[in-house]
Amino acid sequence: MKKLLAGLSLLALSVPLTGWTAPVDDAVAELQREWEVIRYQTPASERSRRFEVLAEKARQVSATHAGRSEPLVWEGIIVSSLAGEKGGLGALSLAKQAKALYEQAIGINGKALDGSAYNSLGVLYYKVPGWPLAFGDKAKAEELLKKALEINPSGIDSNYFYGEFLIENKRVAEGLAYLERALQAPPRSGRHIADSGRREETRALLAKTTGK
């Protein structure tokens, strides 16, 4: 279970920073930047505490901008990351909270942020344990991850997480192809930290899988 939940902290989103109306734009971009710094530039011993603070900030942003899906997606990402840092049974309630946030975001606009709510929810479905402990479901996970790929076929995150899912489910050849696509994904504006971190994770998974 610890291994499954630990993967939740790897979540990231393909978030374009243009096309929104302020102040949602600024508020969500700030959550995004803070998440990246915590996830990729903060010592592991400090991440849980800092994600807790950021989760409360995200909750306030979602409440302020009720009716918008973007803050809900980022709140879910932050809560999922906190679950990954905590691990164990105590993280399951956080995973369920993140699931509800993603579902609410999809209900408003599932295509927002290049379909990131579908991608993030799909990751939850294959990272958490199944019944009776939690809601894990491989078939549902694949359905959601494929939906994210339909919306954002060239995205680094959508390709990485589907590739990881396939490899973890013994579909190695398919999975490697998606990891290679992730490495070829175009850079995201304002996402240098996240892109660099995701590419490093992609290369590490490729090396672990192929032994090269």
Protein backbone atom coordinates (compact mmCIF):
# COMPACT_ATOMS: atom_id res chain seq x y z
CA MET A 1 0.00 0.00 0.00
CA LYS A 2 2.82 2.40 0.84
CA LYS A 3 4.32 1.79 -2.60
CA LEU A 4 1.00 2.48 -4.29
CA LEU A 5 0.25 5.66 -2.40
CA ALA A 6 3.77 7.01 -2.72
CA GLY A 7 3.21 7.40 -6.45
CA LEU A 8 0.53 9.98 -5.83
CA SER A 9 3.15 12.57 -5.01
CA LEU A 10 4.41 12.37 -8.61
CA LEU A 11 1.29 13.92 -10.03
CA ALA A 12 1.56 17.06 -12.14
CA LEU A 13 -0.63 18.80 -14.64
CA SER A 14 -0.45 20.24 -18.13
CA VAL A 15 -1.68 23.67 -17.18
CA PRO A 16 -1.69 26.44 -19.78
CA LEU A 17 -1.31 29.85 -18.16
CA THR A 18 -3.18 31.80 -20.80
CA GLY A 19 -6.81 32.04 -21.77
CA TRP A 20 -8.25 32.34 -18.27
CA THR A 21 -9.82 35.41 -16.77
CA ALA A 22 -8.08 37.00 -13.80
CA PRO A 23 -8.07 36.56 -10.86
CA VAL A 24 -8.46 32.80 -11.43
CA ASP A 25 -5.42 32.93 -13.69
CA ASP A 26 -3.14 34.40 -11.05
CA ALA A 27 -4.48 32.29 -8.17
CA VAL A 28 -4.14 28.97 -9.99
CA ALA A 29 -0.74 29.87 -11.44
CA GLU A 30 0.50 30.61 -7.92
CA LEU A 31 -0.71 27.21 -6.67
CA GLN A 32 1.02 25.58 -9.61
CA ARG A 33 4.34 27.31 -8.97
CA GLU A 34 4.29 26.49 -5.26
CA TRP A 35 3.47 22.84 -5.99
CA GLU A 36 6.42 22.56 -8.37
CA VAL A 37 8.85 24.02 -5.87
CA ILE A 38 7.65 21.68 -3.11
CA ARG A 39 7.59 18.59 -5.31
CA TYR A 40 10.90 19.04 -7.11
CA GLN A 41 13.03 21.44 -5.07
CA THR A 42 12.12 20.82 -1.41
CA PRO A 43 13.75 18.20 0.86
CA ALA A 44 11.53 15.17 1.43
CA SER A 45 11.44 15.83 5.16
CA GLU A 46 9.69 19.16 4.60
CA ARG A 47 7.24 18.27 1.84
CA SER A 48 4.36 16.94 3.94
CA ARG A 49 4.19 20.07 6.11
CA ARG A 50 4.40 22.39 3.14
CA PHE A 51 1.79 20.47 1.17
CA GLU A 52 -0.56 20.73 4.17
CA VAL A 53 -0.21 24.52 4.12
CA LEU A 54 -0.65 24.64 0.35
CA ALA A 55 -3.73 22.38 0.50
CA GLU A 56 -5.46 24.87 2.77
CA LYS A 57 -4.53 27.70 0.43
CA ALA A 58 -5.92 25.71 -2.50
CA ARG A 59 -9.16 25.08 -0.62
CA GLN A 60 -9.60 28.80 -0.18
CA VAL A 61 -8.92 29.44 -3.87
CA SER A 62 -11.54 26.83 -4.85
CA ALA A 63 -14.07 28.41 -2.51
CA THR A 64 -13.35 31.90 -3.81
CA HIS A 65 -13.77 30.80 -7.42
CA ALA A 66 -16.69 28.41 -7.00
CA GLY A 67 -17.99 27.10 -10.29
CA ARG A 68 -14.55 26.93 -11.92
CA SER A 69 -12.89 23.60 -12.50
CA GLU A 70 -9.26 24.76 -12.60
CA PRO A 71 -8.86 25.48 -8.87
CA LEU A 72 -10.54 22.18 -8.02
CA VAL A 73 -8.07 20.26 -10.18
CA TRP A 74 -5.12 21.92 -8.49
CA GLU A 75 -6.61 21.41 -5.06
CA GLY A 76 -6.94 17.73 -5.95
CA ILE A 77 -3.36 17.55 -7.16
CA ILE A 78 -2.07 19.09 -3.94
CA VAL A 79 -4.20 16.84 -1.73
CA SER A 80 -3.05 13.80 -3.76
CA SER A 81 0.55 14.86 -3.31
CA LEU A 82 0.02 15.20 0.43
CA ALA A 83 -1.44 11.68 0.48
CA GLY A 84 1.64 10.41 -1.32
CA GLU A 85 3.96 12.02 1.20
CA LYS A 86 2.04 10.69 4.20
CA GLY A 87 1.52 7.14 2.90
CA GLY A 88 -0.22 4.29 4.71
CA LEU A 89 -3.84 4.00 5.76
CA GLY A 90 -3.93 7.61 6.89
CA ALA A 91 -3.46 8.71 3.31
CA LEU A 92 -6.59 6.95 2.05
CA SER A 93 -8.94 9.63 3.35
CA LEU A 94 -6.88 12.23 1.49
CA ALA A 95 -7.02 10.13 -1.68
CA LYS A 96 -10.80 9.95 -1.38
CA GLN A 97 -10.93 13.71 -0.87
CA ALA A 98 -8.86 14.24 -4.02
CA LYS A 99 -11.13 11.87 -5.94
CA ALA A 100 -14.17 13.97 -5.01
CA LEU A 101 -12.39 17.15 -6.12
CA TYR A 102 -11.48 15.69 -9.52
CA GLU A 103 -15.01 14.41 -10.03
CA GLN A 104 -16.41 17.82 -9.19
CA ALA A 105 -13.99 19.45 -11.65
CA ILE A 106 -14.99 17.02 -14.40
CA GLY A 107 -18.64 17.78 -13.72
CA ILE A 108 -17.95 21.46 -14.37
CA ASN A 109 -15.57 21.15 -17.33
CA GLY A 110 -13.60 17.95 -17.85
CA LYS A 111 -11.63 19.41 -20.75
CA ALA A 112 -10.19 22.26 -18.68
CA LEU A 113 -6.40 22.24 -18.30
CA ASP A 114 -6.07 19.82 -21.22
CA GLY A 115 -8.14 17.17 -19.46
CA SER A 116 -5.89 17.02 -16.42
CA ALA A 117 -8.75 16.04 -14.10
CA TYR A 118 -9.24 12.81 -16.08
CA ASN A 119 -5.51 12.08 -15.99
CA SER A 120 -5.18 12.75 -12.27
CA LEU A 121 -8.29 10.77 -11.39
CA GLY A 122 -7.06 7.86 -13.50
CA VAL A 123 -3.78 7.85 -11.58
CA LEU A 124 -5.68 7.72 -8.30
CA TYR A 125 -7.66 4.71 -9.51
CA TYR A 126 -4.52 2.69 -10.18
CA LYS A 127 -2.40 3.94 -7.27
CA VAL A 128 -4.77 3.30 -4.37
CA PRO A 129 -5.76 -0.16 -3.14
CA GLY A 130 -8.98 -1.75 -4.36
CA TRP A 131 -12.02 -2.86 -2.41
CA PRO A 132 -12.48 -3.24 0.55
CA LEU A 133 -9.76 -0.79 1.57
CA ALA A 134 -10.36 1.84 -1.11
CA PHE A 135 -11.67 2.47 -4.63
CA GLY A 136 -8.76 1.25 -6.76
CA ASP A 137 -9.90 -0.12 -10.13
CA LYS A 138 -7.55 -0.85 -13.03
CA ALA A 139 -10.26 -0.89 -15.69
CA LYS A 140 -11.60 2.47 -14.55
CA ALA A 141 -8.06 3.83 -14.39
CA GLU A 142 -7.36 2.91 -18.00
CA GLU A 143 -10.65 4.40 -19.14
CA LEU A 144 -9.80 7.74 -17.51
CA LEU A 145 -6.18 7.77 -18.67
CA LYS A 146 -7.27 7.12 -22.26
CA LYS A 147 -9.78 9.94 -22.00
CA ALA A 148 -6.97 12.27 -20.92
CA LEU A 149 -4.90 11.14 -23.91
CA GLU A 150 -7.79 11.85 -26.28
CA ILE A 151 -7.90 15.41 -25.00
CA ASN A 152 -4.13 15.91 -24.82
CA PRO A 153 -2.40 13.28 -27.01
CA SER A 154 1.03 14.92 -26.98
CA GLY A 155 1.15 15.92 -23.30
CA ILE A 156 4.09 14.86 -21.17
CA ASP A 157 1.92 13.90 -18.20
CA SER A 158 -0.82 12.08 -20.09
CA ASN A 159 1.78 9.95 -21.89
CA TYR A 160 3.96 9.37 -18.84
CA PHE A 161 1.18 8.18 -16.57
CA TYR A 162 -0.44 5.94 -19.17
CA GLY A 163 2.98 4.47 -19.92
CA GLU A 164 3.58 3.85 -16.23
CA PHE A 165 0.14 2.26 -15.87
CA LEU A 166 0.82 -0.12 -18.76
CA ILE A 167 4.22 -1.13 -17.43
CA GLU A 168 2.85 -1.77 -13.95
CA ASN A 169 0.23 -3.99 -15.55
CA LYS A 170 2.77 -6.09 -17.49
CA ARG A 171 2.11 -4.43 -20.85
CA VAL A 172 5.71 -3.36 -21.13
CA ALA A 173 6.08 -2.86 -24.89
CA GLU A 174 3.03 -0.61 -25.01
CA GLY A 175 4.17 1.28 -21.95
CA LEU A 176 7.64 1.99 -23.29
CA ALA A 177 6.15 3.56 -26.40
CA TYR A 178 4.17 6.03 -24.31
CA LEU A 179 7.21 6.89 -22.20
CA GLU A 180 9.11 7.69 -25.38
CA ARG A 181 6.24 9.95 -26.42
CA ALA A 182 6.44 11.68 -23.06
CA LEU A 183 10.09 12.50 -23.69
CA GLN A 184 9.14 14.03 -27.05
CA ALA A 185 6.37 16.19 -25.58
CA PRO A 186 6.64 19.91 -26.34
CA PRO A 187 7.74 22.14 -23.46
CA ARG A 188 4.99 23.87 -21.49
CA SER A 189 5.06 27.61 -21.05
CA GLY A 190 6.08 28.52 -17.52
CA ARG A 191 6.55 24.86 -16.54
CA HIS A 192 10.32 24.42 -16.74
CA ILE A 193 10.63 22.94 -13.24
CA ALA A 194 7.81 20.45 -13.76
CA ASP A 195 8.91 19.50 -17.28
CA SER A 196 12.48 18.90 -16.14
CA GLY A 197 11.32 16.80 -13.19
CA ARG A 198 8.90 14.74 -15.27
CA ARG A 199 11.52 14.02 -17.93
CA GLU A 200 13.90 12.84 -15.23
CA GLU A 201 11.19 10.53 -13.86
CA THR A 202 10.46 9.26 -17.36
CA ARG A 203 14.10 8.45 -18.04
CA ALA A 204 14.38 6.72 -14.67
CA LEU A 205 11.35 4.53 -15.39
CA LEU A 206 12.69 3.70 -18.86
CA ALA A 207 16.04 2.68 -17.38
CA LYS A 208 14.43 0.61 -14.65
CA THR A 209 12.15 -1.15 -17.13
CA THR A 210 14.73 -1.84 -19.84
CA GLY A 211 17.76 -2.30 -17.59
CA LYS A 212 19.67 0.27 -19.62
